[in-house]
C-alpha atoms as a PDB file:
ATOM      1  CA  UNK A   1     -15.186 123.562  78.809  1.00  0.00           C
ATOM      2  CA  UNK A   2     -14.610 123.805  75.709  1.00  0.00           C
ATOM      3  CA  UNK A   3     -14.243 127.224  74.574  1.00  0.00           C
ATOM      4  CA  UNK A   4     -15.318 129.821  71.535  1.00  0.00           C
ATOM      5  CA  UNK A   5     -13.564 132.751  70.486  1.00  0.00           C
ATOM      6  CA  UNK A   6     -16.970 135.316  70.730  1.00  0.00           C
ATOM      7  CA  UNK A   7     -16.216 137.090  67.070  1.00  0.00           C
ATOM      8  CA  UNK A   8     -14.021 140.674  67.179  1.00  0.00           C
ATOM      9  CA  UNK A   9     -14.433 141.028  71.154  1.00  0.00           C
ATOM     10  CA  UNK A  10     -11.612 138.107  70.550  1.00  0.00           C
ATOM     11  CA  UNK A  11     -12.654 136.991  74.031  1.00  0.00           C
ATOM     12  CA  UNK A  12     -12.420 132.803  74.800  1.00  0.00           C
ATOM     13  CA  UNK A  13     -15.225 131.653  76.366  1.00  0.00           C
ATOM     14  CA  UNK A  14     -17.072 128.461  77.250  1.00  0.00           C
ATOM     15  CA  UNK A  15     -19.506 127.179  73.920  1.00  0.00           C
ATOM     16  CA  UNK A  16     -21.681 126.521  76.723  1.00  0.00           C
ATOM     17  CA  UNK A  17     -23.705 130.675  77.787  1.00  0.00           C
ATOM     18  CA  UNK A  18     -25.274 129.992  81.502  1.00  0.00           C
ATOM     19  CA  UNK A  19     -28.773 132.379  80.127  1.00  0.00           C
ATOM     20  CA  UNK A  20     -30.235 133.921  83.469  1.00  0.00           C
ATOM     21  CA  UNK A  21     -33.780 134.541  82.206  1.00  0.00           C
ATOM     22  CA  UNK A  22     -36.250 132.215  79.373  1.00  0.00           C
ATOM     23  CA  UNK A  23     -39.119 130.066  81.570  1.00  0.00           C
ATOM     24  CA  UNK A  24     -36.847 129.471  84.251  1.00  0.00           C
ATOM     25  CA  UNK A  25     -34.933 132.898  85.135  1.00  0.00           C
ATOM     26  CA  UNK A  26     -32.585 130.551  87.457  1.00  0.00           C
ATOM     27  CA  UNK A  27     -35.470 129.349  89.173  1.00  0.00           C
ATOM     28  CA  UNK A  28     -37.197 132.259  90.131  1.00  0.00           C
ATOM     29  CA  UNK A  29     -39.691 132.149  87.468  1.00  0.00           C
ATOM     30  CA  UNK A  30     -40.627 128.470  89.733  1.00  0.00           C
ATOM     31  CA  UNK A  31     -40.664 130.737  93.464  1.00  0.00           C
ATOM     32  CA  UNK A  32     -37.044 129.860  94.403  1.00  0.00           C
ATOM     33  CA  UNK A  33     -35.146 132.913  96.453  1.00  0.00           C
ATOM     34  CA  UNK A  34     -32.420 134.695  95.139  1.00  0.00           C
ATOM     35  CA  UNK A  35     -29.791 132.585  97.202  1.00  0.00           C
ATOM     36  CA  UNK A  36     -30.679 129.736  95.211  1.00  0.00           C
ATOM     37  CA  UNK A  37     -30.044 131.168  91.890  1.00  0.00           C
ATOM     38  CA  UNK A  38     -26.949 132.796  93.238  1.00  0.00           C
ATOM     39  CA  UNK A  39     -25.894 128.721  93.534  1.00  0.00           C
ATOM     40  CA  UNK A  40     -26.969 127.889  89.792  1.00  0.00           C
ATOM     41  CA  UNK A  41     -25.030 130.631  88.791  1.00  0.00           C
ATOM     42  CA  UNK A  42     -21.474 129.693  91.088  1.00  0.00           C
ATOM     43  CA  UNK A  43     -22.172 125.717  89.992  1.00  0.00           C
ATOM     44  CA  UNK A  44     -21.966 126.725  86.289  1.00  0.00           C
ATOM     45  CA  UNK A  45     -18.971 128.729  87.278  1.00  0.00           C
ATOM     46  CA  UNK A  46     -17.674 125.101  89.011  1.00  0.00           C
ATOM     47  CA  UNK A  47     -17.950 123.321  85.628  1.00  0.00           C
ATOM     48  CA  UNK A  48     -16.416 125.401  83.607  1.00  0.00           C
ATOM     49  CA  UNK A  49     -19.049 128.007  82.763  1.00  0.00           C
ATOM     50  CA  UNK A  50     -17.608 131.030  81.530  1.00  0.00           C
ATOM     51  CA  UNK A  51     -20.374 133.362  79.607  1.00  0.00           C
ATOM     52  CA  UNK A  52     -23.255 134.816  81.970  1.00  0.00           C
ATOM     53  CA  UNK A  53     -25.944 136.818  80.393  1.00  0.00           C
ATOM     54  CA  UNK A  54     -28.696 138.189  82.577  1.00  0.00           C
ATOM     55  CA  UNK A  55     -30.919 140.916  81.825  1.00  0.00           C
ATOM     56  CA  UNK A  56     -32.125 144.481  83.790  1.00  0.00           C
ATOM     57  CA  UNK A  57     -35.527 142.550  82.815  1.00  0.00           C
ATOM     58  CA  UNK A  58     -35.153 139.243  83.950  1.00  0.00           C
ATOM     59  CA  UNK A  59     -34.854 140.399  87.542  1.00  0.00           C
ATOM     60  CA  UNK A  60     -31.682 137.917  88.007  1.00  0.00           C
ATOM     61  CA  UNK A  61     -28.487 140.853  88.276  1.00  0.00           C
ATOM     62  CA  UNK A  62     -28.706 140.470  91.544  1.00  0.00           C
ATOM     63  CA  UNK A  63     -28.210 136.521  91.587  1.00  0.00           C
ATOM     64  CA  UNK A  64     -25.652 136.664  89.217  1.00  0.00           C
ATOM     65  CA  UNK A  65     -24.038 139.542  91.546  1.00  0.00           C
ATOM     66  CA  UNK A  66     -24.357 137.305  94.021  1.00  0.00           C
ATOM     67  CA  UNK A  67     -23.040 134.257  92.699  1.00  0.00           C
ATOM     68  CA  UNK A  68     -19.965 135.815  90.784  1.00  0.00           C
ATOM     69  CA  UNK A  69     -18.920 137.926  93.879  1.00  0.00           C
ATOM     70  CA  UNK A  70     -14.971 137.119  93.976  1.00  0.00           C
ATOM     71  CA  UNK A  71     -15.156 135.323  90.964  1.00  0.00           C
ATOM     72  CA  UNK A  72     -15.658 138.313  88.557  1.00  0.00           C
ATOM     73  CA  UNK A  73     -12.378 138.096  87.059  1.00  0.00           C
ATOM     74  CA  UNK A  74     -13.891 134.519  85.908  1.00  0.00           C
ATOM     75  CA  UNK A  75     -17.317 135.707  83.797  1.00  0.00           C
ATOM     76  CA  UNK A  76     -17.674 137.753  80.649  1.00  0.00           C
ATOM     77  CA  UNK A  77     -20.631 139.282  81.900  1.00  0.00           C
ATOM     78  CA  UNK A  78     -23.911 139.867  79.742  1.00  0.00           C
ATOM     79  CA  UNK A  79     -26.418 142.063  80.951  1.00  0.00           C
ATOM     80  CA  UNK A  80     -29.001 143.873  78.805  1.00  0.00           C
ATOM     81  CA  UNK A  81     -31.460 147.188  78.827  1.00  0.00           C
ATOM     82  CA  UNK A  82     -34.677 147.739  76.638  1.00  0.00           C
ATOM     83  CA  UNK A  83     -35.299 150.623  74.232  1.00  0.00           C
ATOM     84  CA  UNK A  84     -39.040 150.398  74.760  1.00  0.00           C
ATOM     85  CA  UNK A  85     -41.522 148.009  75.194  1.00  0.00           C
ATOM     86  CA  UNK A  86     -44.428 149.849  74.177  1.00  0.00           C
ATOM     87  CA  UNK A  87     -44.659 153.607  72.573  1.00  0.00           C
ATOM     88  CA  UNK A  88     -43.064 155.147  74.893  1.00  0.00           C
ATOM     89  CA  UNK A  89     -38.994 154.884  74.221  1.00  0.00           C
ATOM     90  CA  UNK A  90     -35.881 154.880  76.403  1.00  0.00           C
ATOM     91  CA  UNK A  91     -33.724 158.352  76.162  1.00  0.00           C
ATOM     92  CA  UNK A  92     -29.983 158.309  76.253  1.00  0.00           C
ATOM     93  CA  UNK A  93     -30.343 159.168  80.465  1.00  0.00           C
ATOM     94  CA  UNK A  94     -32.586 156.326  80.748  1.00  0.00           C
ATOM     95  CA  UNK A  95     -29.789 154.157  79.418  1.00  0.00           C
ATOM     96  CA  UNK A  96     -27.176 155.566  81.623  1.00  0.00           C
ATOM     97  CA  UNK A  97     -29.347 155.214  84.736  1.00  0.00           C
ATOM     98  CA  UNK A  98     -30.234 151.634  83.602  1.00  0.00           C
ATOM     99  CA  UNK A  99     -26.381 151.421  83.377  1.00  0.00           C
ATOM    100  CA  UNK A 100     -26.147 152.501  86.635  1.00  0.00           C
ATOM    101  CA  UNK A 101     -28.682 150.144  88.452  1.00  0.00           C
ATOM    102  CA  UNK A 102     -27.409 146.864  86.354  1.00  0.00           C
ATOM    103  CA  UNK A 103     -24.128 147.690  87.642  1.00  0.00           C
ATOM    104  CA  UNK A 104     -25.268 148.109  91.080  1.00  0.00           C
ATOM    105  CA  UNK A 105     -27.666 144.796  91.386  1.00  0.00           C
ATOM    106  CA  UNK A 106     -24.394 142.708  89.141  1.00  0.00           C
ATOM    107  CA  UNK A 107     -22.023 144.534  92.180  1.00  0.00           C
ATOM    108  CA  UNK A 108     -19.262 145.486  89.614  1.00  0.00           C
ATOM    109  CA  UNK A 109     -17.767 148.612  88.134  1.00  0.00           C
ATOM    110  CA  UNK A 110     -17.853 147.454  84.376  1.00  0.00           C
ATOM    111  CA  UNK A 111     -19.823 145.135  82.184  1.00  0.00           C
ATOM    112  CA  UNK A 112     -17.951 143.355  79.203  1.00  0.00           C
ATOM    113  CA  UNK A 113     -20.883 143.062  76.728  1.00  0.00           C
ATOM    114  CA  UNK A 114     -24.095 145.403  77.481  1.00  0.00           C
ATOM    115  CA  UNK A 115     -27.035 144.642  74.890  1.00  0.00           C
ATOM    116  CA  UNK A 116     -29.677 146.925  73.441  1.00  0.00           C
ATOM    117  CA  UNK A 117     -32.255 143.958  74.247  1.00  0.00           C
ATOM    118  CA  UNK A 118     -35.217 142.991  72.301  1.00  0.00           C
ATOM    119  CA  UNK A 119     -35.176 144.986  69.386  1.00  0.00           C
ATOM    120  CA  UNK A 120     -37.674 145.760  67.139  1.00  0.00           C
ATOM    121  CA  UNK A 121     -36.771 146.469  63.501  1.00  0.00           C
ATOM    122  CA  UNK A 122     -38.973 150.011  63.337  1.00  0.00           C
ATOM    123  CA  UNK A 123     -36.549 150.531  66.552  1.00  0.00           C
ATOM    124  CA  UNK A 124     -33.558 150.272  65.167  1.00  0.00           C
ATOM    125  CA  UNK A 125     -32.935 153.720  63.478  1.00  0.00           C
ATOM    126  CA  UNK A 126     -34.340 155.377  67.197  1.00  0.00           C
ATOM    127  CA  UNK A 127     -31.387 152.989  68.725  1.00  0.00           C
ATOM    128  CA  UNK A 128     -28.713 153.871  66.286  1.00  0.00           C
ATOM    129  CA  UNK A 129     -29.288 157.968  65.965  1.00  0.00           C
ATOM    130  CA  UNK A 130     -30.271 158.215  69.628  1.00  0.00           C
ATOM    131  CA  UNK A 131     -28.849 154.969  72.000  1.00  0.00           C
ATOM    132  CA  UNK A 132     -26.140 154.140  70.337  1.00  0.00           C
ATOM    133  CA  UNK A 133     -23.874 157.740  71.127  1.00  0.00           C
ATOM    134  CA  UNK A 134     -24.749 157.093  74.561  1.00  0.00           C
ATOM    135  CA  UNK A 135     -23.579 153.832  74.697  1.00  0.00           C
ATOM    136  CA  UNK A 136     -20.463 154.788  72.914  1.00  0.00           C
ATOM    137  CA  UNK A 137     -19.956 157.189  75.955  1.00  0.00           C
ATOM    138  CA  UNK A 138     -20.458 154.845  78.718  1.00  0.00           C
ATOM    139  CA  UNK A 139     -17.713 152.632  76.933  1.00  0.00           C
ATOM    140  CA  UNK A 140     -15.192 154.960  76.528  1.00  0.00           C
ATOM    141  CA  UNK A 141     -16.011 155.823  80.536  1.00  0.00           C
ATOM    142  CA  UNK A 142     -14.841 152.097  80.976  1.00  0.00           C
ATOM    143  CA  UNK A 143     -18.583 150.627  82.326  1.00  0.00           C
ATOM    144  CA  UNK A 144     -18.734 148.661  78.727  1.00  0.00           C
ATOM    145  CA  UNK A 145     -16.155 146.250  77.153  1.00  0.00           C
ATOM    146  CA  UNK A 146     -18.405 145.623  73.779  1.00  0.00           C
ATOM    147  CA  UNK A 147     -21.804 146.628  72.236  1.00  0.00           C
ATOM    148  CA  UNK A 148     -24.683 143.838  72.044  1.00  0.00           C
ATOM    149  CA  UNK A 149     -28.582 144.093  70.158  1.00  0.00           C
ATOM    150  CA  UNK A 150     -30.255 141.023  70.543  1.00  0.00           C
ATOM    151  CA  UNK A 151     -33.580 140.370  68.512  1.00  0.00           C
ATOM    152  CA  UNK A 152     -36.723 139.722  69.729  1.00  0.00           C
ATOM    153  CA  UNK A 153     -37.157 136.067  68.133  1.00  0.00           C
ATOM    154  CA  UNK A 154     -40.478 135.554  69.507  1.00  0.00           C
ATOM    155  CA  UNK A 155     -42.413 138.179  67.112  1.00  0.00           C
ATOM    156  CA  UNK A 156     -39.494 139.024  64.772  1.00  0.00           C
ATOM    157  CA  UNK A 157     -38.987 134.808  63.867  1.00  0.00           C
ATOM    158  CA  UNK A 158     -37.633 135.838  60.687  1.00  0.00           C
ATOM    159  CA  UNK A 159     -34.704 138.172  61.930  1.00  0.00           C
ATOM    160  CA  UNK A 160     -36.323 141.476  60.458  1.00  0.00           C
ATOM    161  CA  UNK A 161     -34.036 143.492  62.922  1.00  0.00           C
ATOM    162  CA  UNK A 162     -31.100 141.689  62.563  1.00  0.00           C
ATOM    163  CA  UNK A 163     -31.090 141.531  58.452  1.00  0.00           C
ATOM    164  CA  UNK A 164     -31.004 145.520  58.854  1.00  0.00           C
ATOM    165  CA  UNK A 165     -28.579 145.786  61.567  1.00  0.00           C
ATOM    166  CA  UNK A 166     -26.007 143.104  60.116  1.00  0.00           C
ATOM    167  CA  UNK A 167     -24.645 145.470  57.497  1.00  0.00           C
ATOM    168  CA  UNK A 168     -23.866 148.314  59.430  1.00  0.00           C
ATOM    169  CA  UNK A 169     -21.486 145.941  61.913  1.00  0.00           C
ATOM    170  CA  UNK A 170     -21.929 148.228  64.408  1.00  0.00           C
ATOM    171  CA  UNK A 171     -22.146 146.414  67.468  1.00  0.00           C
ATOM    172  CA  UNK A 172     -19.675 143.237  68.274  1.00  0.00           C
ATOM    173  CA  UNK A 173     -22.315 140.540  69.387  1.00  0.00           C
ATOM    174  CA  UNK A 174     -25.933 139.842  68.313  1.00  0.00           C
ATOM    175  CA  UNK A 175     -28.196 137.363  70.171  1.00  0.00           C
ATOM    176  CA  UNK A 176     -30.244 135.298  67.737  1.00  0.00           C
ATOM    177  CA  UNK A 177     -32.824 132.481  67.970  1.00  0.00           C
ATOM    178  CA  UNK A 178     -31.645 129.199  66.181  1.00  0.00           C
ATOM    179  CA  UNK A 179     -32.812 125.717  66.448  1.00  0.00           C
ATOM    180  CA  UNK A 180     -34.054 122.997  64.521  1.00  0.00           C
ATOM    181  CA  UNK A 181     -37.403 123.605  64.066  1.00  0.00           C
ATOM    182  CA  UNK A 182     -36.559 126.918  62.871  1.00  0.00           C
ATOM    183  CA  UNK A 183     -32.907 127.460  61.199  1.00  0.00           C
ATOM    184  CA  UNK A 184     -33.213 130.238  59.448  1.00  0.00           C
ATOM    185  CA  UNK A 185     -30.676 132.286  60.817  1.00  0.00           C
ATOM    186  CA  UNK A 186     -28.187 130.554  58.860  1.00  0.00           C
ATOM    187  CA  UNK A 187     -29.943 132.252  55.906  1.00  0.00           C
ATOM    188  CA  UNK A 188     -30.002 135.694  56.856  1.00  0.00           C
ATOM    189  CA  UNK A 189     -28.388 135.957  60.031  1.00  0.00           C
ATOM    190  CA  UNK A 190     -24.646 134.107  59.764  1.00  0.00           C
ATOM    191  CA  UNK A 191     -23.412 134.354  56.572  1.00  0.00           C
ATOM    192  CA  UNK A 192     -23.157 138.178  57.638  1.00  0.00           C
ATOM    193  CA  UNK A 193     -22.060 137.490  61.491  1.00  0.00           C
ATOM    194  CA  UNK A 194     -19.212 135.397  60.275  1.00  0.00           C
ATOM    195  CA  UNK A 195     -18.741 138.591  57.504  1.00  0.00           C
ATOM    196  CA  UNK A 196     -18.084 140.951  59.798  1.00  0.00           C
ATOM    197  CA  UNK A 197     -17.004 139.037  62.172  1.00  0.00           C
ATOM    198  CA  UNK A 198     -19.318 139.802  64.747  1.00  0.00           C
ATOM    199  CA  UNK A 199     -20.430 137.333  68.274  1.00  0.00           C
ATOM    200  CA  UNK A 200     -23.223 135.223  68.251  1.00  0.00           C
ATOM    201  CA  UNK A 201     -25.088 134.196  70.763  1.00  0.00           C
ATOM    202  CA  UNK A 202     -27.685 131.243  70.072  1.00  0.00           C
ATOM    203  CA  UNK A 203     -30.667 131.580  72.204  1.00  0.00           C
ATOM    204  CA  UNK A 204     -34.166 129.653  72.278  1.00  0.00           C
ATOM    205  CA  UNK A 205     -32.123 126.813  71.179  1.00  0.00           C
ATOM    206  CA  UNK A 206     -34.812 124.454  73.227  1.00  0.00           C
ATOM    207  CA  UNK A 207     -38.417 125.738  74.454  1.00  0.00           C
ATOM    208  CA  UNK A 208     -41.150 124.543  74.796  1.00  0.00           C
ATOM    209  CA  UNK A 209     -41.753 122.723  71.581  1.00  0.00           C
ATOM    210  CA  UNK A 210     -38.838 120.711  72.001  1.00  0.00           C
ATOM    211  CA  UNK A 211     -39.391 119.521  76.042  1.00  0.00           C
ATOM    212  CA  UNK A 212     -43.536 119.308  75.710  1.00  0.00           C
ATOM    213  CA  UNK A 213     -44.152 116.059  72.895  1.00  0.00           C
ATOM    214  CA  UNK A 214     -47.946 117.633  72.597  1.00  0.00           C
ATOM    215  CA  UNK A 215     -46.825 121.523  72.155  1.00  0.00           C
ATOM    216  CA  UNK A 216     -44.966 119.826  69.468  1.00  0.00           C
ATOM    217  CA  UNK A 217     -47.325 118.415  67.596  1.00  0.00           C
ATOM    218  CA  UNK A 218     -49.386 121.342  67.642  1.00  0.00           C
ATOM    219  CA  UNK A 219     -46.531 123.084  66.311  1.00  0.00           C
ATOM    220  CA  UNK A 220     -46.026 121.325  63.821  1.00  0.00           C
ATOM    221  CA  UNK A 221     -49.576 120.893  62.829  1.00  0.00           C
ATOM    222  CA  UNK A 222     -49.653 124.445  62.195  1.00  0.00           C
ATOM    223  CA  UNK A 223     -46.484 124.409  59.825  1.00  0.00           C
ATOM    224  CA  UNK A 224     -48.050 121.211  58.067  1.00  0.00           C
ATOM    225  CA  UNK A 225     -50.977 124.039  57.335  1.00  0.00           C
ATOM    226  CA  UNK A 226     -49.540 126.944  56.199  1.00  0.00           C
ATOM    227  CA  UNK A 227     -47.110 124.483  54.249  1.00  0.00           C
ATOM    228  CA  UNK A 228     -43.927 125.112  55.404  1.00  0.00           C
ATOM    229  CA  UNK A 229     -43.817 121.235  56.104  1.00  0.00           C
ATOM    230  CA  UNK A 230     -44.287 118.666  53.867  1.00  0.00           C
ATOM    231  CA  UNK A 231     -47.004 116.233  55.666  1.00  0.00           C
ATOM    232  CA  UNK A 232     -45.146 113.154  53.650  1.00  0.00           C
ATOM    233  CA  UNK A 233     -41.749 113.760  55.609  1.00  0.00           C
ATOM    234  CA  UNK A 234     -42.794 113.770  58.836  1.00  0.00           C
ATOM    235  CA  UNK A 235     -45.218 111.773  61.230  1.00  0.00           C
ATOM    236  CA  UNK A 236     -47.298 114.214  62.686  1.00  0.00           C
ATOM    237  CA  UNK A 237     -47.991 111.982  65.627  1.00  0.00           C
ATOM    238  CA  UNK A 238     -44.129 111.996  66.421  1.00  0.00           C
ATOM    239  CA  UNK A 239     -42.859 114.670  64.638  1.00  0.00           C
ATOM    240  CA  UNK A 240     -39.147 113.955  65.835  1.00  0.00           C
ATOM    241  CA  UNK A 241     -39.493 110.357  66.261  1.00  0.00           C
ATOM    242  CA  UNK A 242     -36.795 109.275  63.901  1.00  0.00           C
ATOM    243  CA  UNK A 243     -34.162 110.986  66.097  1.00  0.00           C
ATOM    244  CA  UNK A 244     -34.359 107.232  68.099  1.00  0.00           C
ATOM    245  CA  UNK A 245     -33.112 106.107  65.030  1.00  0.00           C
ATOM    246  CA  UNK A 246     -29.691 107.284  65.344  1.00  0.00           C
ATOM    247  CA  UNK A 247     -28.118 105.235  68.358  1.00  0.00           C
ATOM    248  CA  UNK A 248     -25.459 108.176  69.158  1.00  0.00           C
ATOM    249  CA  UNK A 249     -28.754 110.512  70.015  1.00  0.00           C
ATOM    250  CA  UNK A 250     -29.863 110.824  73.463  1.00  0.00           C
ATOM    251  CA  UNK A 251     -32.873 113.137  73.627  1.00  0.00           C
ATOM    252  CA  UNK A 252     -34.656 115.702  71.414  1.00  0.00           C
ATOM    253  CA  UNK A 253     -33.062 117.981  73.943  1.00  0.00           C
ATOM    254  CA  UNK A 254     -29.403 116.669  73.107  1.00  0.00           C
ATOM    255  CA  UNK A 255     -30.437 116.569  70.002  1.00  0.00           C
ATOM    256  CA  UNK A 256     -31.399 120.481  69.567  1.00  0.00           C
ATOM    257  CA  UNK A 257     -28.142 121.916  71.681  1.00  0.00           C
ATOM    258  CA  UNK A 258     -26.060 120.013  69.418  1.00  0.00           C
ATOM    259  CA  UNK A 259     -27.463 120.740  66.197  1.00  0.00           C
ATOM    260  CA  UNK A 260     -26.885 124.668  67.480  1.00  0.00           C
ATOM    261  CA  UNK A 261     -23.374 123.915  68.465  1.00  0.00           C
ATOM    262  CA  UNK A 262     -21.994 122.330  65.620  1.00  0.00           C
ATOM    263  CA  UNK A 263     -23.518 125.045  63.282  1.00  0.00           C
ATOM    264  CA  UNK A 264     -21.194 127.091  60.676  1.00  0.00           C
ATOM    265  CA  UNK A 265     -20.955 131.164  62.754  1.00  0.00           C
ATOM    266  CA  UNK A 266     -23.056 129.919  65.728  1.00  0.00           C
ATOM    267  CA  UNK A 267     -20.748 130.949  68.705  1.00  0.00           C
ATOM    268  CA  UNK A 268     -21.992 130.311  72.676  1.00  0.00           C
ATOM    269  CA  UNK A 269     -25.113 128.400  73.166  1.00  0.00           C
ATOM    270  CA  UNK A 270     -27.515 129.544  75.637  1.00  0.00           C
ATOM    271  CA  UNK A 271     -28.888 127.406  78.536  1.00  0.00           C
ATOM    272  CA  UNK A 272     -31.062 128.030  81.221  1.00  0.00           C
ATOM    273  CA  UNK A 273     -32.174 125.985  84.517  1.00  0.00           C
ATOM    274  CA  UNK A 274     -32.784 126.875  88.118  1.00  0.00           C
ATOM    275  CA  UNK A 275     -32.272 122.745  88.562  1.00  0.00           C
ATOM    276  CA  UNK A 276     -28.159 122.052  88.834  1.00  0.00           C
ATOM    277  CA  UNK A 277     -28.869 118.561  87.587  1.00  0.00           C
ATOM    278  CA  UNK A 278     -30.433 120.161  84.457  1.00  0.00           C
ATOM    279  CA  UNK A 279     -27.833 122.370  84.336  1.00  0.00           C
ATOM    280  CA  UNK A 280     -25.096 119.671  84.295  1.00  0.00           C
ATOM    281  CA  UNK A 281     -26.989 117.180  81.319  1.00  0.00           C
ATOM    282  CA  UNK A 282     -26.833 120.593  79.409  1.00  0.00           C
ATOM    283  CA  UNK A 283     -23.751 121.356  79.277  1.00  0.00           C
ATOM    284  CA  UNK A 284     -22.738 117.884  79.033  1.00  0.00           C
ATOM    285  CA  UNK A 285     -25.251 118.125  75.455  1.00  0.00           C
ATOM    286  CA  UNK A 286     -24.097 121.306  73.915  1.00  0.00           C
ATOM    287  CA  UNK A 287     -20.612 119.849  74.081  1.00  0.00           C
ATOM    288  CA  UNK A 288     -21.658 116.775  72.566  1.00  0.00           C
ATOM    289  CA  UNK A 289     -20.254 115.888  68.735  1.00  0.00           C
ATOM    290  CA  UNK A 290     -21.800 116.856  66.193  1.00  0.00           C
ATOM    291  CA  UNK A 291     -25.605 115.724  64.637  1.00  0.00           C
ATOM    292  CA  UNK A 292     -24.749 112.470  62.157  1.00  0.00           C
ATOM    293  CA  UNK A 293     -24.923 113.553  58.733  1.00  0.00           C
ATOM    294  CA  UNK A 294     -28.079 111.678  57.418  1.00  0.00           C
ATOM    295  CA  UNK A 295     -29.596 112.637  60.847  1.00  0.00           C
ATOM    296  CA  UNK A 296     -28.564 116.486  59.748  1.00  0.00           C
ATOM    297  CA  UNK A 297     -29.925 116.018  56.038  1.00  0.00           C
ATOM    298  CA  UNK A 298     -33.289 114.688  57.695  1.00  0.00           C
ATOM    299  CA  UNK A 299     -33.686 117.854  59.597  1.00  0.00           C
ATOM    300  CA  UNK A 300     -33.367 120.013  56.970  1.00  0.00           C
ATOM    301  CA  UNK A 301     -35.814 118.080  55.094  1.00  0.00           C
ATOM    302  CA  UNK A 302     -38.448 117.938  56.864  1.00  0.00           C
ATOM    303  CA  UNK A 303     -37.456 121.491  58.580  1.00  0.00           C
ATOM    304  CA  UNK A 304     -35.275 123.574  56.709  1.00  0.00           C
ATOM    305  CA  UNK A 305     -37.743 126.025  55.234  1.00  0.00           C
ATOM    306  CA  UNK A 306     -39.112 127.178  58.776  1.00  0.00           C
ATOM    307  CA  UNK A 307     -38.903 130.595  59.636  1.00  0.00           C
ATOM    308  CA  UNK A 308     -42.121 131.414  61.233  1.00  0.00           C
ATOM    309  CA  UNK A 309     -41.880 129.916  64.505  1.00  0.00           C
ATOM    310  CA  UNK A 310     -40.075 130.481  67.873  1.00  0.00           C
ATOM    311  CA  UNK A 311     -40.632 126.910  69.184  1.00  0.00           C
ATOM    312  CA  UNK A 312     -42.009 128.908  72.384  1.00  0.00           C
END
């Protein structure tokens, strides 16, 4: 497994990270049990994955704990808590209680990375003023090694929260949405993370629009209508059909993962699944070589200005 330095944490971690949320949640979203989900975690570790990301909201912390039992030192462990999904915001006491619950479910006394999860731009000042001091206290107590923050990319496709947070460089790692369909992070995020040596976790590399042709056609039609994609530069019926012109690109999914993996500033590319064979395919794709320069140019020509979709 290829490794990468995760920004100023100095940790060397796998370039492919196991994401335990998303549409699958290690298969639990499709009715699989905790034992099955734990087996996916174990297989990921067997294949060399050292970065594992879960969250209180995913319902997979218990499965991660079971999957890494006896192997805790092999894992750079990441979990998350939301500052509040509605009007009610998380209190410092609530954060401390959430962290204790995560540690209990994970079966560990520490997490390597603890994020504020899905933070909206309007929530960021509250997070800094009210929750960051509690995070620092938990860090001083040895329950957290590094601090992270994740955007809510489905609603914040232009990275407004991270544009606010990154100049302050208060967090060691950020989770950012980035894909060949919306590469806007290269304009507004990666310059700042590189400047401040902030680690990056890439989410949304492959989502619904890159796995379902009908969803891609619908999304591209919308982008053409809003003027974000030039209709003369893309086949609306087969928007990524030009990938077939490149013999070393096996599939849309492979291209999408390779696109993210080799972007300057992108570090760990997250992939989630409840199927071991699918996991193995994704890990192979993430570790593939850079896309051909001509293909990179074509993708930039078609989708380079897009910043309004997540691909979900």
